[in-house]
Amino acid sequence: MAHAGQILENPVSGERFLFLRTAADTEGELLEFDLHLPPDGRVPGRHVHPYQDERFEVLSGTMRFEQGRDTFVARRGETVVIPAGAVHTLENAGDREAVVRVQVRPAMKMEQLFETVIGLADKGTPKALDLALVAREYKDEIKAPFPRRMIELVATVPLAFIARRRGRRYDRRGTLLPMPATRG
């Protein structure tokens, strides 16, 4: 379980998370963390948080945000709010590390999502079966934008089913759990 002061680093994207307040600290109301992005760093892919608002305060550097069809740049001291249901992405738009204070309301299972994705990234590029399970497990926290959402459903539902039938399960750190014992 995530805790204040914990640092997670994604070796694939270069994102680094420093948790400041977790769901446990705020009775599920808020997840707050500092997101560090290297030059040319970005959050992987456009996405939607169906039930969560995100607030980004740029502490240092320059960030580019895309929300829907709009693109805008935020610098130190500026704040961007992305409402629940809005398609968005963000990236470092400068030539040095950017640091952004992020607040996610409500917290839901967002910190577990980060732990799982980073756990999988630590083991290399995640396989389609792994991504299908993650997409299904955290469907209330993050989704691909439409029309990819339909493709995601068509692909992940059967892949997640196959993965579960084969006994694949992951803990929150992305560690493959032991296969269940089979009856002889």
Foldseek 3Di string as FASTA:
>chain_A
DDDQQDWFAAPVQRKIWHWHAACVRVVQFKTKIKIKAFVFGWDPAWKFQQQKKKKKAWQAAKKWKDWPNDIDIDHHGDMDIDDHPITMIMGGPDNGMTIIIMMIGRRPCVVLLSLQNSLQSVVPDHDLLSVLLSCVVCVNGMAHDPPVRVVSCVRSVVSPVVCVVQQFDAGSNNDTDDRDDDDD
